N, C-alpha and C. Protein backbone atom coordinates (compact mmCIF):
# COMPACT_ATOMS: atom_id res chain seq x y z
N MET A 1 0.81 -1.18 -0.02
CA MET A 1 -0.01 0.02 -0.05
C MET A 1 0.93 1.18 0.01
N HIS A 2 0.59 2.20 -0.80
CA HIS A 2 1.28 3.43 -0.86
C HIS A 2 0.24 4.53 -1.26
N THR A 3 0.21 5.59 -0.55
CA THR A 3 -0.68 6.71 -0.94
C THR A 3 0.11 7.98 -0.61
N SER A 4 -0.26 9.02 -1.35
CA SER A 4 0.50 10.35 -1.18
C SER A 4 -0.38 11.43 -1.61
N SER A 5 0.00 12.63 -1.14
CA SER A 5 -0.64 13.96 -1.58
C SER A 5 0.39 14.99 -1.56
N ASP A 6 0.01 16.26 -1.71
CA ASP A 6 0.99 17.39 -1.55
C ASP A 6 1.50 17.56 -0.16
N LEU A 7 0.65 17.09 0.85
CA LEU A 7 1.00 17.29 2.28
C LEU A 7 1.71 16.16 2.93
N PHE A 8 1.36 14.91 2.55
CA PHE A 8 1.88 13.83 3.22
C PHE A 8 2.06 12.52 2.26
N SER A 9 2.63 11.53 2.78
CA SER A 9 2.73 10.25 2.13
C SER A 9 2.69 9.15 3.14
N ALA A 10 2.08 8.01 2.82
CA ALA A 10 1.92 6.86 3.80
C ALA A 10 2.27 5.54 2.92
N GLN A 11 2.96 4.75 3.57
CA GLN A 11 3.43 3.56 2.87
C GLN A 11 3.49 2.43 3.96
N TYR A 12 2.96 1.24 3.61
CA TYR A 12 3.10 0.09 4.45
C TYR A 12 4.20 -0.77 4.02
N ILE A 13 5.09 -1.11 4.91
CA ILE A 13 6.28 -1.94 4.63
C ILE A 13 6.02 -3.34 5.25
N PRO A 14 5.53 -4.41 4.50
CA PRO A 14 5.15 -5.56 5.10
C PRO A 14 6.26 -6.34 5.90
N ASN A 15 7.44 -6.37 5.27
CA ASN A 15 8.53 -7.22 5.80
C ASN A 15 9.08 -6.62 7.14
N GLU A 16 8.72 -5.33 7.46
CA GLU A 16 9.11 -4.70 8.68
C GLU A 16 7.90 -4.50 9.63
N ASN A 17 6.75 -4.94 9.10
CA ASN A 17 5.55 -4.60 9.84
C ASN A 17 5.40 -3.13 10.27
N LYS A 18 5.59 -2.24 9.25
CA LYS A 18 5.76 -0.83 9.51
C LYS A 18 4.83 -0.07 8.59
N LEU A 19 4.15 1.01 9.20
CA LEU A 19 3.38 1.92 8.40
C LEU A 19 4.17 3.22 8.56
N LEU A 20 4.74 3.65 7.45
CA LEU A 20 5.56 4.88 7.46
C LEU A 20 4.79 6.01 6.96
N TRP A 21 4.54 7.04 7.75
CA TRP A 21 3.75 8.19 7.51
C TRP A 21 4.70 9.41 7.60
N THR A 22 4.84 10.11 6.43
CA THR A 22 5.73 11.28 6.33
C THR A 22 4.92 12.51 6.02
N ILE A 23 5.05 13.57 6.85
CA ILE A 23 4.32 14.81 6.60
C ILE A 23 5.37 15.68 6.04
N LYS A 24 5.13 16.29 4.84
CA LYS A 24 6.12 17.11 4.24
C LYS A 24 6.23 18.49 4.74
N LYS A 25 5.12 19.11 5.03
CA LYS A 25 5.11 20.44 5.68
C LYS A 25 4.03 20.46 6.72
N PHE A 26 4.28 21.14 7.92
CA PHE A 26 3.33 21.18 8.96
C PHE A 26 3.30 22.60 9.53
N LYS A 27 2.31 23.32 9.28
CA LYS A 27 2.22 24.70 9.65
C LYS A 27 1.92 24.74 11.24
N GLY A 28 2.38 25.79 11.88
CA GLY A 28 2.25 25.99 13.26
C GLY A 28 0.65 26.07 13.58
N GLU A 29 0.36 25.67 14.80
CA GLU A 29 -1.03 25.76 15.31
C GLU A 29 -2.06 24.97 14.45
N SER A 30 -1.56 23.87 13.87
CA SER A 30 -2.37 23.00 13.08
C SER A 30 -2.33 21.57 13.59
N GLU A 31 -3.18 20.75 13.13
CA GLU A 31 -3.36 19.42 13.49
C GLU A 31 -3.43 18.45 12.39
N CYS A 32 -2.77 17.28 12.42
CA CYS A 32 -2.83 16.29 11.44
C CYS A 32 -3.08 14.96 12.05
N SER A 33 -3.86 14.19 11.42
CA SER A 33 -4.17 12.76 12.04
C SER A 33 -4.17 11.78 10.87
N ILE A 34 -3.96 10.55 11.27
CA ILE A 34 -4.01 9.43 10.27
C ILE A 34 -4.89 8.32 10.94
N ARG A 35 -5.66 7.68 10.07
CA ARG A 35 -6.43 6.60 10.46
C ARG A 35 -6.20 5.39 9.44
N SER A 36 -5.72 4.33 9.94
CA SER A 36 -5.41 3.25 9.01
C SER A 36 -5.93 1.92 9.50
N LYS A 37 -6.19 1.07 8.62
CA LYS A 37 -6.74 -0.34 8.86
C LYS A 37 -5.81 -1.25 8.15
N ILE A 38 -5.15 -2.21 8.88
CA ILE A 38 -4.35 -3.23 8.25
C ILE A 38 -5.06 -4.49 8.42
N THR A 39 -5.33 -5.20 7.37
CA THR A 39 -6.07 -6.43 7.34
C THR A 39 -5.11 -7.60 6.99
N LEU A 40 -4.94 -8.56 7.92
CA LEU A 40 -4.09 -9.67 7.68
C LEU A 40 -4.91 -10.81 7.07
N SER A 41 -4.20 -11.76 6.47
CA SER A 41 -4.88 -12.86 5.80
C SER A 41 -5.58 -13.74 6.89
N PRO A 42 -6.85 -14.19 6.62
CA PRO A 42 -7.59 -14.99 7.63
C PRO A 42 -6.92 -16.35 7.90
N SER A 43 -6.07 -16.81 6.99
CA SER A 43 -5.38 -18.10 7.26
C SER A 43 -4.28 -17.99 8.33
N TYR A 44 -3.96 -16.69 8.66
CA TYR A 44 -2.89 -16.44 9.63
C TYR A 44 -3.56 -16.46 11.02
N GLU A 45 -3.55 -17.57 11.69
CA GLU A 45 -4.37 -17.86 12.93
C GLU A 45 -3.87 -16.93 14.11
N TYR A 46 -2.64 -16.77 14.28
CA TYR A 46 -2.14 -16.06 15.44
C TYR A 46 -1.78 -14.68 15.11
N ALA A 47 -2.42 -14.01 14.18
CA ALA A 47 -2.01 -12.73 13.73
C ALA A 47 -2.03 -11.64 14.78
N ARG A 48 -3.00 -11.63 15.67
CA ARG A 48 -3.06 -10.64 16.68
C ARG A 48 -1.90 -10.70 17.63
N ARG A 49 -1.57 -11.99 18.04
CA ARG A 49 -0.38 -12.21 19.03
C ARG A 49 0.85 -11.76 18.41
N ASP A 50 1.04 -12.12 17.12
CA ASP A 50 2.33 -11.88 16.43
C ASP A 50 2.41 -10.36 16.06
N PHE A 51 1.29 -9.75 15.88
CA PHE A 51 1.37 -8.33 15.42
C PHE A 51 1.87 -7.42 16.55
N GLY A 52 1.58 -7.83 17.82
CA GLY A 52 2.26 -7.16 19.01
C GLY A 52 1.82 -5.74 19.25
N PRO A 53 2.54 -5.14 20.08
CA PRO A 53 2.25 -3.70 20.50
C PRO A 53 2.65 -2.77 19.26
N ILE A 54 1.95 -1.63 19.24
CA ILE A 54 2.26 -0.66 18.27
C ILE A 54 3.16 0.42 18.86
N SER A 55 4.34 0.75 18.30
CA SER A 55 5.19 1.73 18.84
C SER A 55 5.25 2.87 17.80
N ILE A 56 5.31 4.06 18.31
CA ILE A 56 5.39 5.31 17.48
C ILE A 56 6.60 6.01 17.72
N LEU A 57 7.28 6.32 16.60
CA LEU A 57 8.52 7.16 16.70
C LEU A 57 8.35 8.29 15.67
N PHE A 58 8.82 9.47 16.26
CA PHE A 58 8.65 10.64 15.36
C PHE A 58 9.70 11.70 15.69
N GLU A 59 10.06 12.59 14.82
CA GLU A 59 10.85 13.74 15.05
C GLU A 59 10.37 14.94 14.34
N ILE A 60 10.51 16.11 14.98
CA ILE A 60 10.08 17.42 14.41
C ILE A 60 11.25 18.36 14.30
N PRO A 61 11.89 18.46 13.19
CA PRO A 61 13.00 19.39 13.13
C PRO A 61 12.63 20.80 13.27
N MET A 62 13.56 21.59 13.83
CA MET A 62 13.47 22.98 13.97
C MET A 62 12.25 23.36 14.82
N PHE A 63 11.96 22.53 15.87
CA PHE A 63 10.85 22.86 16.73
C PHE A 63 11.24 22.37 18.16
N ASN A 64 11.05 23.21 19.16
CA ASN A 64 11.39 22.98 20.56
C ASN A 64 10.17 22.96 21.41
N LEU A 65 9.63 21.93 21.81
CA LEU A 65 8.42 21.87 22.68
C LEU A 65 8.58 22.61 24.00
N SER A 66 9.76 22.47 24.57
CA SER A 66 9.91 22.99 25.93
C SER A 66 10.14 24.46 25.99
N LYS A 67 10.35 25.09 24.81
CA LYS A 67 10.62 26.58 24.74
C LYS A 67 12.01 26.88 25.24
N LEU A 68 12.90 25.92 25.54
CA LEU A 68 14.20 26.14 26.00
C LEU A 68 15.06 26.74 24.80
N ARG A 69 15.75 27.81 25.02
CA ARG A 69 16.48 28.42 24.03
C ARG A 69 17.93 28.61 24.36
N ILE A 70 18.85 28.37 23.45
CA ILE A 70 20.33 28.66 23.74
C ILE A 70 20.58 30.03 23.24
N LYS A 71 20.98 30.94 24.15
CA LYS A 71 21.25 32.39 23.85
C LYS A 71 22.69 32.44 23.64
N TYR A 72 23.51 31.84 24.44
CA TYR A 72 24.91 31.97 24.33
C TYR A 72 25.70 30.64 24.48
N LEU A 73 26.67 30.46 23.61
CA LEU A 73 27.47 29.26 23.54
C LEU A 73 28.89 29.62 23.46
N ARG A 74 29.75 29.04 24.27
CA ARG A 74 31.14 29.38 24.24
C ARG A 74 31.90 28.05 24.07
N ILE A 75 32.75 28.04 23.01
CA ILE A 75 33.55 26.88 22.72
C ILE A 75 34.94 27.11 23.37
N LEU A 76 35.27 26.17 24.39
CA LEU A 76 36.44 26.24 25.09
C LEU A 76 37.61 25.78 24.33
N GLU A 77 37.55 24.75 23.59
CA GLU A 77 38.71 24.16 22.87
C GLU A 77 38.40 24.37 21.37
N THR A 78 39.33 24.92 20.70
CA THR A 78 39.25 25.11 19.28
C THR A 78 40.35 24.35 18.62
N TYR A 79 39.99 23.79 17.47
CA TYR A 79 41.00 23.06 16.73
C TYR A 79 41.17 23.76 15.33
N LYS A 80 42.42 23.72 14.96
CA LYS A 80 42.71 24.45 13.65
C LYS A 80 42.05 23.92 12.51
N SER A 81 41.72 22.59 12.56
CA SER A 81 41.12 21.95 11.40
C SER A 81 39.61 22.14 11.35
N SER A 82 39.04 22.73 12.41
CA SER A 82 37.64 22.80 12.42
C SER A 82 37.22 24.22 12.41
N ASN A 83 36.20 24.49 11.62
CA ASN A 83 35.55 25.84 11.54
C ASN A 83 34.28 25.77 12.36
N THR A 84 34.07 26.87 13.16
CA THR A 84 32.81 26.95 13.96
C THR A 84 31.88 27.93 13.30
N HIS A 85 30.51 27.46 13.37
CA HIS A 85 29.48 28.32 12.80
C HIS A 85 28.46 28.66 13.80
N ARG A 86 27.87 29.87 13.77
CA ARG A 86 26.84 30.15 14.66
C ARG A 86 25.48 29.67 14.23
N TRP A 87 25.17 28.41 14.68
CA TRP A 87 23.97 27.80 14.23
C TRP A 87 23.59 26.73 15.29
N VAL A 88 22.34 26.71 15.71
CA VAL A 88 21.82 25.75 16.68
C VAL A 88 20.65 25.12 16.00
N ARG A 89 20.56 23.78 16.04
CA ARG A 89 19.53 23.05 15.44
C ARG A 89 18.62 22.52 16.64
N TYR A 90 17.40 22.90 16.65
CA TYR A 90 16.44 22.38 17.61
C TYR A 90 15.65 21.16 16.93
N ILE A 91 15.40 20.16 17.75
CA ILE A 91 14.65 19.03 17.18
C ILE A 91 13.83 18.46 18.37
N THR A 92 12.65 18.11 18.08
CA THR A 92 11.77 17.42 19.05
C THR A 92 11.71 15.94 18.56
N GLN A 93 12.04 14.95 19.54
CA GLN A 93 12.01 13.53 19.18
C GLN A 93 11.01 12.88 20.20
N SER A 94 10.35 11.84 19.67
CA SER A 94 9.61 10.96 20.55
C SER A 94 10.53 10.17 21.52
N SER A 95 9.97 9.87 22.55
CA SER A 95 10.77 9.11 23.52
C SER A 95 10.36 7.62 23.45
N SER A 96 9.14 7.31 23.98
CA SER A 96 8.66 6.01 24.01
C SER A 96 7.09 5.99 23.97
N TYR A 97 6.55 5.84 22.85
CA TYR A 97 5.01 5.70 22.74
C TYR A 97 4.67 4.31 22.35
N VAL A 98 4.11 3.52 23.15
CA VAL A 98 3.80 2.10 22.80
C VAL A 98 2.38 1.90 23.15
N TYR A 99 1.51 1.41 22.27
CA TYR A 99 0.14 1.04 22.38
C TYR A 99 0.02 -0.58 22.31
N ARG A 100 -0.60 -1.20 23.32
CA ARG A 100 -0.79 -2.57 23.31
C ARG A 100 -2.24 -2.87 22.73
N LEU A 101 -2.23 -3.98 21.86
CA LEU A 101 -3.54 -4.45 21.39
C LEU A 101 -4.18 -5.40 22.23
N ASN A 102 -5.48 -5.33 22.37
CA ASN A 102 -6.27 -6.28 23.16
C ASN A 102 -6.66 -7.45 22.44
């Protein structure tokens, strides 16, 4: 299964039991949701047990949920071979979201 639009793409990867959902652009103060249904073959008797819990991993580049900002950074050791640049990359990453199936 593969579906896409200008805003997102979704793809099921069967050999990894993974549904990969990619959002291309996400405006501030907006909401996005996905609803999916994965149907396994009826001949697969223990599908629910083998399917296991659902884990969610995500990252949001250039967004800081805690509002923590770096205003000043001092580099104590400099190396002649390295050039320093004034740039900080903020990123929000998921920690551990797991849903168990009944």
